[in-house]
Protein backbone atom coordinates (compact mmCIF):
# COMPACT_ATOMS: atom_id res chain seq x y z
CA MET A 1 -9.57 11.43 -21.86
CA VAL A 2 -11.06 13.01 -18.77
CA TYR A 3 -11.60 9.13 -17.59
CA ARG A 4 -7.71 7.95 -18.71
CA ILE A 5 -6.67 11.05 -16.62
CA LEU A 6 -8.56 10.20 -13.60
CA ALA A 7 -7.49 6.38 -13.65
CA ASP A 8 -3.91 7.66 -13.62
CA VAL A 9 -4.70 9.88 -10.49
CA VAL A 10 -6.61 7.03 -9.01
CA SER A 11 -3.19 5.20 -10.04
CA ALA A 12 -0.60 7.70 -8.18
CA VAL A 13 -2.53 8.32 -5.17
CA HIS A 14 -2.59 4.43 -4.97
CA PHE A 15 0.78 4.09 -5.25
CA GLY A 16 1.69 6.91 -2.32
CA PHE A 17 -0.74 5.18 -0.46
CA VAL A 18 1.19 2.27 -0.96
CA VAL A 19 4.48 4.36 0.01
CA PHE A 20 2.82 5.35 2.54
CA VAL A 21 1.43 1.98 4.49
CA ALA A 22 4.92 0.94 3.73
CA LEU A 23 7.26 3.74 4.94
CA GLY A 24 5.25 6.13 7.12
CA ALA A 25 6.50 4.99 10.67
CA PHE A 26 9.76 6.78 9.26
CA LEU A 27 7.93 9.82 9.09
CA ALA A 28 6.32 9.29 12.31
CA LEU A 29 10.21 9.42 13.51
CA ARG A 30 10.30 12.94 12.53
CA TRP A 31 7.12 13.89 12.74
CA PRO A 32 4.66 11.64 15.79
CA ARG A 33 1.16 12.82 14.69
CA VAL A 34 1.75 11.27 12.21
CA ALA A 35 1.34 8.24 13.62
CA TRP A 36 -2.28 9.07 14.04
CA ALA A 37 -2.73 8.57 9.80
CA HIS A 38 -0.49 5.84 9.67
CA VAL A 39 -1.44 3.17 11.99
CA PRO A 40 -4.99 3.35 10.35
CA ALA A 41 -3.46 2.57 7.09
CA ALA A 42 -0.89 0.30 7.77
CA ILE A 43 -3.56 -1.71 9.53
CA TRP A 44 -5.56 -1.71 6.52
CA GLY A 45 -2.83 -2.52 3.93
CA ALA A 46 -1.77 -5.33 6.13
CA TRP A 47 -5.28 -6.40 6.63
CA ILE A 48 -5.73 -6.15 3.10
CA GLU A 49 -2.38 -8.17 2.13
CA LEU A 50 -2.66 -11.12 4.69
CA ALA A 51 -6.48 -11.37 3.72
CA GLY A 52 -6.01 -11.71 0.19
CA GLY A 53 -8.30 -8.90 -0.69
CA VAL A 54 -8.28 -6.36 -3.58
CA CYS A 55 -7.76 -2.68 -2.19
CA PRO A 56 -11.03 -0.88 -3.81
CA LEU A 57 -8.85 1.72 -5.65
CA THR A 58 -7.60 -1.35 -7.95
CA PRO A 59 -11.57 -1.89 -9.76
CA LEU A 60 -12.05 1.96 -9.47
CA GLU A 61 -9.12 2.49 -11.46
CA VAL A 62 -9.35 -0.74 -13.74
CA GLY A 63 -13.29 0.88 -14.09
CA LEU A 64 -12.00 4.22 -15.14
CA ARG A 65 -9.27 2.61 -17.85
CA ARG A 66 -12.12 0.58 -19.10
CA THR A 67 -14.35 3.35 -19.55
CA ALA A 68 -11.56 5.36 -21.35
CA GLY A 69 -11.37 2.88 -23.96
CA GLN A 70 -7.73 1.04 -22.47
CA ALA A 71 -7.24 -2.47 -21.36
CA GLY A 72 -8.01 -2.98 -17.39
CA TYR A 73 -6.01 -5.55 -15.32
CA GLY A 74 -6.56 -8.25 -13.34
CA GLY A 75 -5.29 -8.76 -10.06
CA GLY A 76 -4.25 -6.23 -7.95
CA PHE A 77 -2.59 -2.59 -7.95
CA ILE A 78 1.14 -4.11 -6.12
CA GLU A 79 0.74 -7.45 -8.92
CA HIS A 80 0.02 -5.18 -11.39
CA TYR A 81 2.52 -2.23 -11.05
CA ILE A 82 5.15 -3.11 -7.85
CA LEU A 83 5.63 -6.40 -8.13
CA PRO A 84 6.81 -6.49 -12.02
CA VAL A 85 9.73 -4.27 -11.00
CA VAL A 86 10.10 -5.67 -7.92
CA TYR A 87 9.56 -9.45 -8.68
CA PRO A 88 9.47 -9.87 -12.40
CA SER A 89 7.84 -13.32 -11.90
CA GLY A 90 4.45 -12.34 -10.46
CA MET A 91 3.00 -12.22 -7.51
CA THR A 92 1.87 -15.64 -5.24
CA ARG A 93 -0.03 -15.79 -2.25
CA GLY A 94 3.37 -16.33 -0.02
CA LEU A 95 4.42 -13.40 -1.50
CA GLN A 96 1.30 -11.48 -0.81
CA ILE A 97 1.01 -12.77 2.85
CA GLY A 98 5.17 -11.86 3.20
CA LEU A 99 4.12 -8.38 2.10
CA GLY A 100 1.89 -8.19 5.18
CA LEU A 101 3.96 -9.59 7.81
CA ALA A 102 6.70 -7.58 6.48
CA VAL A 103 4.61 -4.34 6.97
CA VAL A 104 3.15 -5.62 10.26
CA ILE A 105 6.65 -6.68 11.17
CA GLY A 106 8.65 -3.16 10.05
CA ASN A 107 5.61 -1.00 11.49
CA LEU A 108 5.97 -2.77 15.10
CA ALA A 109 9.47 -2.60 15.39
CA ILE A 110 9.45 1.24 14.54
CA TYR A 111 6.77 1.98 16.44
CA GLY A 112 7.83 -0.34 19.60
CA TRP A 113 11.41 1.32 19.01
CA MET A 114 9.65 5.10 19.15
CA ILE A 115 7.69 4.49 22.21
CA ALA A 116 10.66 2.93 24.16
CA ARG A 117 12.32 5.93 23.01
CA ARG A 118 9.45 8.03 24.45
CA ARG A 119 9.48 6.06 28.23
CA ARG A 120 13.09 6.41 28.16
CA ARG A 121 12.91 10.51 28.09
């Protein structure tokens, strides 16, 4: 029971991190100090996607689930939890690269706009 709860906590933290990577720049628009945490998180998230890597939280969660007697899963966190909702057919390498590029381009656009706005003031 404890391992299942821990796996659920890791999964929730992982999901929160993914959302923060994808949308944290919008928080930085309101609270600029958030950028100090978001920029490294976004770099990490983009790197994992572009390099085809696996976040260390994924094997941690899978290991906890297996220890709890649950079935683990193959692939990554995004492929297992997020893509079935958005892209039911599953993760492809091209889609993974596209997600990584979306993180990079989206964040560069928002932070570029923030910097330009600050310089105008």
